[in-house]
């Protein structure tokens, strides 16, 4: 574990669809912990932002170079009646299981233009998402302070009954919402229905099983690049009987429409192969 000075960048080389490995890093500032992780099997990098002290109830955010955004909640154990079970209760171990005290809300953002990264400066942790959007977190309090390129709302209360306590909408491009699941990734339920929404609010329902394949109980997004995803969606639009689905705007997935990153990123965000860009 490394504690880095207040001016840093967690730069990682994440050019889609085949990013280079990013080094494992843990950075702690104020109330926040930022961690990078390389998923060799899936050939992607992830960046987690969450509380430095993971005491339930708590919420963390993990973003990945392939466009995935997971909001992960940890709850206190409760019994069948919803009453909290304290650690000294002999039933504690029975109710303190992953399927009962964790929950995930999962989104995917498009287009995937990168680079993923983070920088902490002047009390603000700025996180760059794979679609070019940016999120600013207050280092001392850990709260989300601003968002550019997406509209993200995180409810203060971490509860089992509020679908992860998050809403996410892109101001440009597309958001795929897989919904919330207790104890596991909702992408592991192929019978589940996901919702794809464009910037104008037009929605299209998609079966999760058509979006993911599965290997060793791991969901793998079927479309390595946005062109392949656009081709799939073009077929969905042609076959759909829903007006909203037929009108879905896919222009952000076209190569000519892909930007080279979010405005205002600047030199301090430039990734380096060593992992830290200063």
C-alpha atoms as a PDB file:
ATOM      1  CA  UNK A   1       0.000   0.000   0.000  1.00  0.00           C
ATOM      2  CA  UNK A   2       1.356   3.394  -0.961  1.00  0.00           C
ATOM      3  CA  UNK A   3       0.307   6.801   0.222  1.00  0.00           C
ATOM      4  CA  UNK A   4       0.986   9.275  -2.571  1.00  0.00           C
ATOM      5  CA  UNK A   5       1.265  13.055  -2.361  1.00  0.00           C
ATOM      6  CA  UNK A   6      -1.756  15.212  -3.202  1.00  0.00           C
ATOM      7  CA  UNK A   7      -0.647  15.690  -6.798  1.00  0.00           C
ATOM      8  CA  UNK A   8      -0.695  12.433  -8.733  1.00  0.00           C
ATOM      9  CA  UNK A   9      -2.206  10.650 -11.658  1.00  0.00           C
ATOM     10  CA  UNK A  10      -3.137   7.013 -11.836  1.00  0.00           C
ATOM     11  CA  UNK A  11      -2.376   6.832 -15.548  1.00  0.00           C
ATOM     12  CA  UNK A  12      -2.913   3.540 -17.351  1.00  0.00           C
ATOM     13  CA  UNK A  13      -2.585   2.598 -21.009  1.00  0.00           C
ATOM     14  CA  UNK A  14      -6.100   1.565 -21.948  1.00  0.00           C
ATOM     15  CA  UNK A  15      -6.551   1.886 -25.699  1.00  0.00           C
ATOM     16  CA  UNK A  16      -9.635  -0.175 -26.667  1.00  0.00           C
ATOM     17  CA  UNK A  17     -10.107  -2.927 -27.491  1.00  0.00           C
ATOM     18  CA  UNK A  18      -6.797  -4.437 -26.307  1.00  0.00           C
ATOM     19  CA  UNK A  19      -5.281  -2.289 -23.527  1.00  0.00           C
ATOM     20  CA  UNK A  20      -1.796  -2.858 -22.198  1.00  0.00           C
ATOM     21  CA  UNK A  21      -1.513  -4.170 -18.635  1.00  0.00           C
ATOM     22  CA  UNK A  22      -1.886  -1.534 -15.939  1.00  0.00           C
ATOM     23  CA  UNK A  23       0.069  -1.863 -12.697  1.00  0.00           C
ATOM     24  CA  UNK A  24      -1.620  -2.607  -9.418  1.00  0.00           C
ATOM     25  CA  UNK A  25      -1.763   0.620  -7.396  1.00  0.00           C
ATOM     26  CA  UNK A  26      -3.457   1.673  -4.169  1.00  0.00           C
ATOM     27  CA  UNK A  27      -3.677   5.384  -3.409  1.00  0.00           C
ATOM     28  CA  UNK A  28      -5.204   6.720  -0.203  1.00  0.00           C
ATOM     29  CA  UNK A  29      -6.156  10.355   0.260  1.00  0.00           C
ATOM     30  CA  UNK A  30      -8.502  11.665   2.948  1.00  0.00           C
ATOM     31  CA  UNK A  31     -11.602   9.464   3.061  1.00  0.00           C
ATOM     32  CA  UNK A  32     -10.947   7.857  -0.338  1.00  0.00           C
ATOM     33  CA  UNK A  33      -9.064   4.843  -1.617  1.00  0.00           C
ATOM     34  CA  UNK A  34      -8.319   4.535  -5.360  1.00  0.00           C
ATOM     35  CA  UNK A  35      -7.130   1.193  -6.702  1.00  0.00           C
ATOM     36  CA  UNK A  36      -6.137   0.018 -10.179  1.00  0.00           C
ATOM     37  CA  UNK A  37      -6.240  -3.616 -11.222  1.00  0.00           C
ATOM     38  CA  UNK A  38      -5.332  -5.468 -14.424  1.00  0.00           C
ATOM     39  CA  UNK A  39      -7.699  -8.294 -15.435  1.00  0.00           C
ATOM     40  CA  UNK A  40      -5.405 -10.428 -17.582  1.00  0.00           C
ATOM     41  CA  UNK A  41      -8.083 -12.913 -18.582  1.00  0.00           C
ATOM     42  CA  UNK A  42     -10.421 -10.187 -19.825  1.00  0.00           C
ATOM     43  CA  UNK A  43      -7.603  -7.916 -21.087  1.00  0.00           C
ATOM     44  CA  UNK A  44      -8.935  -4.848 -19.323  1.00  0.00           C
ATOM     45  CA  UNK A  45      -8.039  -2.444 -16.552  1.00  0.00           C
ATOM     46  CA  UNK A  46     -10.326  -1.358 -13.750  1.00  0.00           C
ATOM     47  CA  UNK A  47     -10.203   1.576 -11.350  1.00  0.00           C
ATOM     48  CA  UNK A  48     -12.079   1.463  -8.036  1.00  0.00           C
ATOM     49  CA  UNK A  49     -13.053   4.527  -6.017  1.00  0.00           C
ATOM     50  CA  UNK A  50     -14.471   4.011  -2.565  1.00  0.00           C
ATOM     51  CA  UNK A  51     -14.222   4.770   1.133  1.00  0.00           C
ATOM     52  CA  UNK A  52     -10.845   4.286   2.751  1.00  0.00           C
ATOM     53  CA  UNK A  53     -12.479   2.409   5.615  1.00  0.00           C
ATOM     54  CA  UNK A  54     -14.915  -0.159   4.195  1.00  0.00           C
ATOM     55  CA  UNK A  55     -17.345  -0.211   7.107  1.00  0.00           C
ATOM     56  CA  UNK A  56     -20.867  -1.287   6.204  1.00  0.00           C
ATOM     57  CA  UNK A  57     -23.059   0.273   5.032  1.00  0.00           C
ATOM     58  CA  UNK A  58     -20.803   1.591   2.268  1.00  0.00           C
ATOM     59  CA  UNK A  59     -20.717   2.131  -1.490  1.00  0.00           C
ATOM     60  CA  UNK A  60     -17.863   2.044  -3.997  1.00  0.00           C
ATOM     61  CA  UNK A  61     -17.591   2.654  -7.720  1.00  0.00           C
ATOM     62  CA  UNK A  62     -15.533   0.564 -10.152  1.00  0.00           C
ATOM     63  CA  UNK A  63     -15.007   1.704 -13.735  1.00  0.00           C
ATOM     64  CA  UNK A  64     -13.266  -0.312 -16.444  1.00  0.00           C
ATOM     65  CA  UNK A  65     -11.537   0.281 -19.741  1.00  0.00           C
ATOM     66  CA  UNK A  66     -14.212  -1.722 -21.588  1.00  0.00           C
ATOM     67  CA  UNK A  67     -16.953   0.730 -20.551  1.00  0.00           C
ATOM     68  CA  UNK A  68     -18.274  -1.125 -17.510  1.00  0.00           C
ATOM     69  CA  UNK A  69     -19.359   0.827 -14.425  1.00  0.00           C
ATOM     70  CA  UNK A  70     -20.272  -1.084 -11.266  1.00  0.00           C
ATOM     71  CA  UNK A  71     -21.778   0.505  -8.167  1.00  0.00           C
ATOM     72  CA  UNK A  72     -21.052  -1.954  -5.351  1.00  0.00           C
ATOM     73  CA  UNK A  73     -22.934  -1.741  -2.056  1.00  0.00           C
ATOM     74  CA  UNK A  74     -22.068  -3.427   1.230  1.00  0.00           C
ATOM     75  CA  UNK A  75     -24.844  -3.755   3.813  1.00  0.00           C
ATOM     76  CA  UNK A  76     -25.064  -4.753   7.439  1.00  0.00           C
ATOM     77  CA  UNK A  77     -26.475  -8.248   7.971  1.00  0.00           C
ATOM     78  CA  UNK A  78     -30.184  -8.441   8.785  1.00  0.00           C
ATOM     79  CA  UNK A  79     -32.472 -11.342   9.693  1.00  0.00           C
ATOM     80  CA  UNK A  80     -35.643 -12.495   7.942  1.00  0.00           C
ATOM     81  CA  UNK A  81     -37.626  -9.728   9.604  1.00  0.00           C
ATOM     82  CA  UNK A  82     -35.170  -7.040   8.478  1.00  0.00           C
ATOM     83  CA  UNK A  83     -33.694  -6.484  11.940  1.00  0.00           C
ATOM     84  CA  UNK A  84     -29.951  -5.849  12.075  1.00  0.00           C
ATOM     85  CA  UNK A  85     -27.887  -8.780  13.370  1.00  0.00           C
ATOM     86  CA  UNK A  86     -24.934  -7.646  15.553  1.00  0.00           C
ATOM     87  CA  UNK A  87     -21.580  -9.490  15.462  1.00  0.00           C
ATOM     88  CA  UNK A  88     -22.131 -10.995  18.903  1.00  0.00           C
ATOM     89  CA  UNK A  89     -25.380 -12.653  17.752  1.00  0.00           C
ATOM     90  CA  UNK A  90     -24.829 -16.432  17.228  1.00  0.00           C
ATOM     91  CA  UNK A  91     -26.746 -16.120  13.916  1.00  0.00           C
ATOM     92  CA  UNK A  92     -24.346 -13.494  12.582  1.00  0.00           C
ATOM     93  CA  UNK A  93     -22.349 -15.815  10.305  1.00  0.00           C
ATOM     94  CA  UNK A  94     -25.558 -17.165   8.748  1.00  0.00           C
ATOM     95  CA  UNK A  95     -26.663 -13.711   7.655  1.00  0.00           C
ATOM     96  CA  UNK A  96     -23.236 -12.213   6.939  1.00  0.00           C
ATOM     97  CA  UNK A  97     -22.821 -13.849   3.509  1.00  0.00           C
ATOM     98  CA  UNK A  98     -22.013 -12.257   0.144  1.00  0.00           C
ATOM     99  CA  UNK A  99     -25.476 -13.008  -1.196  1.00  0.00           C
ATOM    100  CA  UNK A 100     -27.049 -11.107   1.694  1.00  0.00           C
ATOM    101  CA  UNK A 101     -24.677  -8.245   2.487  1.00  0.00           C
ATOM    102  CA  UNK A 102     -23.535  -7.125  -0.987  1.00  0.00           C
ATOM    103  CA  UNK A 103     -25.278  -5.829  -4.076  1.00  0.00           C
ATOM    104  CA  UNK A 104     -24.220  -4.548  -7.492  1.00  0.00           C
ATOM    105  CA  UNK A 105     -25.769  -2.138  -9.981  1.00  0.00           C
ATOM    106  CA  UNK A 106     -24.020  -2.420 -13.349  1.00  0.00           C
ATOM    107  CA  UNK A 107     -23.929  -0.068 -16.342  1.00  0.00           C
ATOM    108  CA  UNK A 108     -21.933   0.036 -19.586  1.00  0.00           C
ATOM    109  CA  UNK A 109     -21.071   3.347 -21.270  1.00  0.00           C
ATOM    110  CA  UNK A 110     -20.601   3.918 -25.007  1.00  0.00           C
ATOM    111  CA  UNK A 111     -18.709   4.909 -27.074  1.00  0.00           C
ATOM    112  CA  UNK A 112     -15.549   3.550 -25.486  1.00  0.00           C
ATOM    113  CA  UNK A 113     -12.871   6.098 -26.332  1.00  0.00           C
ATOM    114  CA  UNK A 114     -10.665   6.167 -23.190  1.00  0.00           C
ATOM    115  CA  UNK A 115      -8.327   6.797 -21.554  1.00  0.00           C
ATOM    116  CA  UNK A 116      -9.308   5.583 -18.120  1.00  0.00           C
ATOM    117  CA  UNK A 117      -7.458   7.349 -15.326  1.00  0.00           C
ATOM    118  CA  UNK A 118      -7.523   9.377 -12.133  1.00  0.00           C
ATOM    119  CA  UNK A 119      -5.811  12.388 -10.656  1.00  0.00           C
ATOM    120  CA  UNK A 120      -5.888  13.791  -7.122  1.00  0.00           C
ATOM    121  CA  UNK A 121      -5.192  17.488  -6.768  1.00  0.00           C
ATOM    122  CA  UNK A 122      -6.312  20.289  -4.435  1.00  0.00           C
ATOM    123  CA  UNK A 123      -8.654  18.018  -2.482  1.00  0.00           C
ATOM    124  CA  UNK A 124     -10.416  16.619  -5.559  1.00  0.00           C
ATOM    125  CA  UNK A 125     -10.096  13.133  -7.055  1.00  0.00           C
ATOM    126  CA  UNK A 126     -10.945  13.392 -10.757  1.00  0.00           C
ATOM    127  CA  UNK A 127     -11.763  10.129 -12.498  1.00  0.00           C
ATOM    128  CA  UNK A 128     -11.839   9.755 -16.274  1.00  0.00           C
ATOM    129  CA  UNK A 129     -14.239   7.126 -17.645  1.00  0.00           C
ATOM    130  CA  UNK A 130     -13.871   5.034 -20.786  1.00  0.00           C
ATOM    131  CA  UNK A 131     -16.498   7.119 -22.647  1.00  0.00           C
ATOM    132  CA  UNK A 132     -14.556  10.348 -22.024  1.00  0.00           C
ATOM    133  CA  UNK A 133     -16.716  11.529 -19.112  1.00  0.00           C
ATOM    134  CA  UNK A 134     -15.242  12.778 -15.824  1.00  0.00           C
ATOM    135  CA  UNK A 135     -16.293  12.458 -12.184  1.00  0.00           C
ATOM    136  CA  UNK A 136     -15.007  14.642  -9.347  1.00  0.00           C
ATOM    137  CA  UNK A 137     -14.978  13.330  -5.774  1.00  0.00           C
ATOM    138  CA  UNK A 138     -14.255  15.326  -2.639  1.00  0.00           C
ATOM    139  CA  UNK A 139     -11.197  13.712  -1.065  1.00  0.00           C
ATOM    140  CA  UNK A 140     -11.946  14.587   2.545  1.00  0.00           C
ATOM    141  CA  UNK A 141     -15.633  13.646   2.570  1.00  0.00           C
ATOM    142  CA  UNK A 142     -15.617  11.104  -0.239  1.00  0.00           C
ATOM    143  CA  UNK A 143     -18.760  12.528  -1.873  1.00  0.00           C
ATOM    144  CA  UNK A 144     -19.337  12.967  -5.589  1.00  0.00           C
ATOM    145  CA  UNK A 145     -19.022  16.706  -6.320  1.00  0.00           C
ATOM    146  CA  UNK A 146     -19.372  17.053 -10.100  1.00  0.00           C
ATOM    147  CA  UNK A 147     -19.818  15.066 -13.293  1.00  0.00           C
ATOM    148  CA  UNK A 148     -19.136  15.949 -16.915  1.00  0.00           C
ATOM    149  CA  UNK A 149     -20.324  13.855 -19.833  1.00  0.00           C
ATOM    150  CA  UNK A 150     -22.690  11.858 -17.618  1.00  0.00           C
ATOM    151  CA  UNK A 151     -25.381  12.646 -15.075  1.00  0.00           C
ATOM    152  CA  UNK A 152     -24.706  10.516 -12.006  1.00  0.00           C
ATOM    153  CA  UNK A 153     -26.762  10.601  -8.826  1.00  0.00           C
ATOM    154  CA  UNK A 154     -25.801   8.656  -5.713  1.00  0.00           C
ATOM    155  CA  UNK A 155     -28.343   8.525  -2.889  1.00  0.00           C
ATOM    156  CA  UNK A 156     -26.832   9.138   0.548  1.00  0.00           C
ATOM    157  CA  UNK A 157     -28.505   6.049   2.037  1.00  0.00           C
ATOM    158  CA  UNK A 158     -27.033   2.637   1.246  1.00  0.00           C
ATOM    159  CA  UNK A 159     -30.055   0.319   1.317  1.00  0.00           C
ATOM    160  CA  UNK A 160     -31.101  -3.006  -0.137  1.00  0.00           C
ATOM    161  CA  UNK A 161     -34.343  -1.641  -1.591  1.00  0.00           C
ATOM    162  CA  UNK A 162     -33.171   1.299  -3.755  1.00  0.00           C
ATOM    163  CA  UNK A 163     -31.554  -0.552  -6.716  1.00  0.00           C
ATOM    164  CA  UNK A 164     -28.069   0.412  -5.638  1.00  0.00           C
ATOM    165  CA  UNK A 165     -29.031   4.010  -4.898  1.00  0.00           C
ATOM    166  CA  UNK A 166     -27.768   5.254  -8.262  1.00  0.00           C
ATOM    167  CA  UNK A 167     -29.034   6.759 -11.496  1.00  0.00           C
ATOM    168  CA  UNK A 168     -26.758   7.227 -14.520  1.00  0.00           C
ATOM    169  CA  UNK A 169     -27.467   8.980 -17.812  1.00  0.00           C
ATOM    170  CA  UNK A 170     -25.074   9.989 -20.576  1.00  0.00           C
ATOM    171  CA  UNK A 171     -25.269  13.501 -22.003  1.00  0.00           C
ATOM    172  CA  UNK A 172     -23.928  11.975 -25.218  1.00  0.00           C
ATOM    173  CA  UNK A 173     -23.680   8.368 -26.372  1.00  0.00           C
ATOM    174  CA  UNK A 174     -25.426   5.366 -24.836  1.00  0.00           C
ATOM    175  CA  UNK A 175     -25.918   3.824 -21.389  1.00  0.00           C
ATOM    176  CA  UNK A 176     -26.660   0.125 -20.960  1.00  0.00           C
ATOM    177  CA  UNK A 177     -28.322  -0.527 -17.585  1.00  0.00           C
ATOM    178  CA  UNK A 178     -28.231  -4.135 -16.377  1.00  0.00           C
ATOM    179  CA  UNK A 179     -30.042  -3.314 -13.150  1.00  0.00           C
ATOM    180  CA  UNK A 180     -29.304  -4.309  -9.554  1.00  0.00           C
ATOM    181  CA  UNK A 181     -28.668  -7.742  -8.056  1.00  0.00           C
ATOM    182  CA  UNK A 182     -28.014  -8.832  -4.489  1.00  0.00           C
ATOM    183  CA  UNK A 183     -24.893 -10.902  -4.015  1.00  0.00           C
ATOM    184  CA  UNK A 184     -23.598 -11.014  -7.576  1.00  0.00           C
ATOM    185  CA  UNK A 185     -23.168  -9.347 -10.975  1.00  0.00           C
ATOM    186  CA  UNK A 186     -26.535  -8.926 -12.750  1.00  0.00           C
ATOM    187  CA  UNK A 187     -24.773  -9.820 -16.028  1.00  0.00           C
ATOM    188  CA  UNK A 188     -24.652 -13.403 -14.740  1.00  0.00           C
ATOM    189  CA  UNK A 189     -28.420 -13.697 -15.273  1.00  0.00           C
ATOM    190  CA  UNK A 190     -28.874 -14.264 -19.036  1.00  0.00           C
ATOM    191  CA  UNK A 191     -32.656 -14.220 -18.672  1.00  0.00           C
ATOM    192  CA  UNK A 192     -32.543 -10.682 -17.266  1.00  0.00           C
ATOM    193  CA  UNK A 193     -33.610  -7.766 -19.482  1.00  0.00           C
ATOM    194  CA  UNK A 194     -31.234  -4.788 -19.758  1.00  0.00           C
ATOM    195  CA  UNK A 195     -32.174  -1.301 -20.924  1.00  0.00           C
ATOM    196  CA  UNK A 196     -30.156   0.685 -23.467  1.00  0.00           C
ATOM    197  CA  UNK A 197     -30.822   4.441 -23.401  1.00  0.00           C
ATOM    198  CA  UNK A 198     -29.508   7.156 -25.716  1.00  0.00           C
ATOM    199  CA  UNK A 199     -28.839  10.783 -24.801  1.00  0.00           C
ATOM    200  CA  UNK A 200     -32.372  11.790 -25.860  1.00  0.00           C
ATOM    201  CA  UNK A 201     -33.932   9.290 -23.474  1.00  0.00           C
ATOM    202  CA  UNK A 202     -35.021   6.752 -26.096  1.00  0.00           C
ATOM    203  CA  UNK A 203     -34.952   3.270 -24.610  1.00  0.00           C
ATOM    204  CA  UNK A 204     -34.557  -0.251 -25.948  1.00  0.00           C
ATOM    205  CA  UNK A 205     -34.903  -3.509 -23.997  1.00  0.00           C
ATOM    206  CA  UNK A 206     -32.208  -6.109 -24.668  1.00  0.00           C
ATOM    207  CA  UNK A 207     -31.822  -9.651 -23.291  1.00  0.00           C
ATOM    208  CA  UNK A 208     -28.680  -9.947 -21.211  1.00  0.00           C
ATOM    209  CA  UNK A 209     -27.965 -13.349 -22.764  1.00  0.00           C
ATOM    210  CA  UNK A 210     -27.591 -11.705 -26.184  1.00  0.00           C
ATOM    211  CA  UNK A 211     -25.025  -9.250 -24.808  1.00  0.00           C
ATOM    212  CA  UNK A 212     -22.774 -11.574 -22.810  1.00  0.00           C
ATOM    213  CA  UNK A 213     -21.164 -14.954 -23.160  1.00  0.00           C
ATOM    214  CA  UNK A 214     -19.983 -16.903 -20.159  1.00  0.00           C
ATOM    215  CA  UNK A 215     -16.711 -18.627 -19.294  1.00  0.00           C
ATOM    216  CA  UNK A 216     -15.901 -20.067 -15.856  1.00  0.00           C
ATOM    217  CA  UNK A 217     -18.932 -18.258 -14.418  1.00  0.00           C
ATOM    218  CA  UNK A 218     -17.649 -14.907 -15.663  1.00  0.00           C
ATOM    219  CA  UNK A 219     -19.742 -12.651 -17.948  1.00  0.00           C
ATOM    220  CA  UNK A 220     -17.821 -11.485 -21.035  1.00  0.00           C
ATOM    221  CA  UNK A 221     -19.274  -8.726 -23.215  1.00  0.00           C
ATOM    222  CA  UNK A 222     -19.731 -10.135 -26.711  1.00  0.00           C
ATOM    223  CA  UNK A 223     -18.696  -6.998 -28.607  1.00  0.00           C
ATOM    224  CA  UNK A 224     -14.995  -6.152 -28.437  1.00  0.00           C
ATOM    225  CA  UNK A 225     -15.401  -2.826 -30.230  1.00  0.00           C
ATOM    226  CA  UNK A 226     -18.133  -0.281 -30.797  1.00  0.00           C
ATOM    227  CA  UNK A 227     -18.426  -1.104 -34.516  1.00  0.00           C
ATOM    228  CA  UNK A 228     -19.456  -4.675 -33.681  1.00  0.00           C
ATOM    229  CA  UNK A 229     -21.928  -3.420 -31.075  1.00  0.00           C
ATOM    230  CA  UNK A 230     -23.360  -0.911 -33.563  1.00  0.00           C
ATOM    231  CA  UNK A 231     -23.873  -3.671 -36.141  1.00  0.00           C
ATOM    232  CA  UNK A 232     -25.734  -5.772 -33.578  1.00  0.00           C
ATOM    233  CA  UNK A 233     -27.900  -2.827 -32.522  1.00  0.00           C
ATOM    234  CA  UNK A 234     -28.670  -1.987 -36.138  1.00  0.00           C
ATOM    235  CA  UNK A 235     -30.247  -5.426 -36.498  1.00  0.00           C
ATOM    236  CA  UNK A 236     -32.163  -4.969 -33.232  1.00  0.00           C
ATOM    237  CA  UNK A 237     -33.573  -1.667 -34.485  1.00  0.00           C
ATOM    238  CA  UNK A 238     -34.714  -3.147 -37.785  1.00  0.00           C
ATOM    239  CA  UNK A 239     -36.527  -6.028 -36.085  1.00  0.00           C
ATOM    240  CA  UNK A 240     -38.023  -4.102 -33.169  1.00  0.00           C
ATOM    241  CA  UNK A 241     -41.729  -3.289 -32.978  1.00  0.00           C
ATOM    242  CA  UNK A 242     -41.051  -0.554 -30.405  1.00  0.00           C
ATOM    243  CA  UNK A 243     -40.863   2.976 -31.798  1.00  0.00           C
ATOM    244  CA  UNK A 244     -38.364   4.061 -29.126  1.00  0.00           C
ATOM    245  CA  UNK A 245     -36.049   1.180 -29.977  1.00  0.00           C
ATOM    246  CA  UNK A 246     -36.273   1.838 -33.730  1.00  0.00           C
ATOM    247  CA  UNK A 247     -35.410   5.505 -33.139  1.00  0.00           C
ATOM    248  CA  UNK A 248     -32.360   4.776 -30.969  1.00  0.00           C
ATOM    249  CA  UNK A 249     -29.465   7.087 -31.909  1.00  0.00           C
ATOM    250  CA  UNK A 250     -26.352   5.028 -32.724  1.00  0.00           C
ATOM    251  CA  UNK A 251     -24.354   7.861 -34.288  1.00  0.00           C
ATOM    252  CA  UNK A 252     -21.918   7.998 -31.342  1.00  0.00           C
ATOM    253  CA  UNK A 253     -20.742   4.480 -32.208  1.00  0.00           C
ATOM    254  CA  UNK A 254     -19.602   5.426 -35.698  1.00  0.00           C
ATOM    255  CA  UNK A 255     -15.820   5.829 -36.110  1.00  0.00           C
ATOM    256  CA  UNK A 256     -16.170   9.379 -37.454  1.00  0.00           C
ATOM    257  CA  UNK A 257     -18.070  10.383 -34.325  1.00  0.00           C
ATOM    258  CA  UNK A 258     -15.568   9.012 -31.812  1.00  0.00           C
ATOM    259  CA  UNK A 259     -13.768  11.789 -29.976  1.00  0.00           C
ATOM    260  CA  UNK A 260     -10.204  11.456 -28.702  1.00  0.00           C
ATOM    261  CA  UNK A 261     -11.098  12.031 -25.083  1.00  0.00           C
ATOM    262  CA  UNK A 262     -12.962  14.482 -22.903  1.00  0.00           C
ATOM    263  CA  UNK A 263     -12.431  18.218 -23.154  1.00  0.00           C
ATOM    264  CA  UNK A 264     -10.133  19.656 -20.526  1.00  0.00           C
ATOM    265  CA  UNK A 265      -8.168  16.510 -19.773  1.00  0.00           C
ATOM    266  CA  UNK A 266      -4.825  18.155 -20.412  1.00  0.00           C
ATOM    267  CA  UNK A 267      -1.245  17.017 -20.085  1.00  0.00           C
ATOM    268  CA  UNK A 268      -1.523  15.856 -16.489  1.00  0.00           C
ATOM    269  CA  UNK A 269      -3.842  13.055 -17.612  1.00  0.00           C
ATOM    270  CA  UNK A 270      -1.481  11.619 -20.223  1.00  0.00           C
ATOM    271  CA  UNK A 271      -1.058   7.891 -19.463  1.00  0.00           C
ATOM    272  CA  UNK A 272       2.408   6.428 -19.083  1.00  0.00           C
ATOM    273  CA  UNK A 273       3.592   2.861 -19.450  1.00  0.00           C
ATOM    274  CA  UNK A 274       5.082   3.038 -15.961  1.00  0.00           C
ATOM    275  CA  UNK A 275       1.618   3.637 -14.533  1.00  0.00           C
ATOM    276  CA  UNK A 276       2.144   7.004 -12.849  1.00  0.00           C
ATOM    277  CA  UNK A 277       2.114  10.175 -14.939  1.00  0.00           C
ATOM    278  CA  UNK A 278       3.470  13.146 -13.048  1.00  0.00           C
END
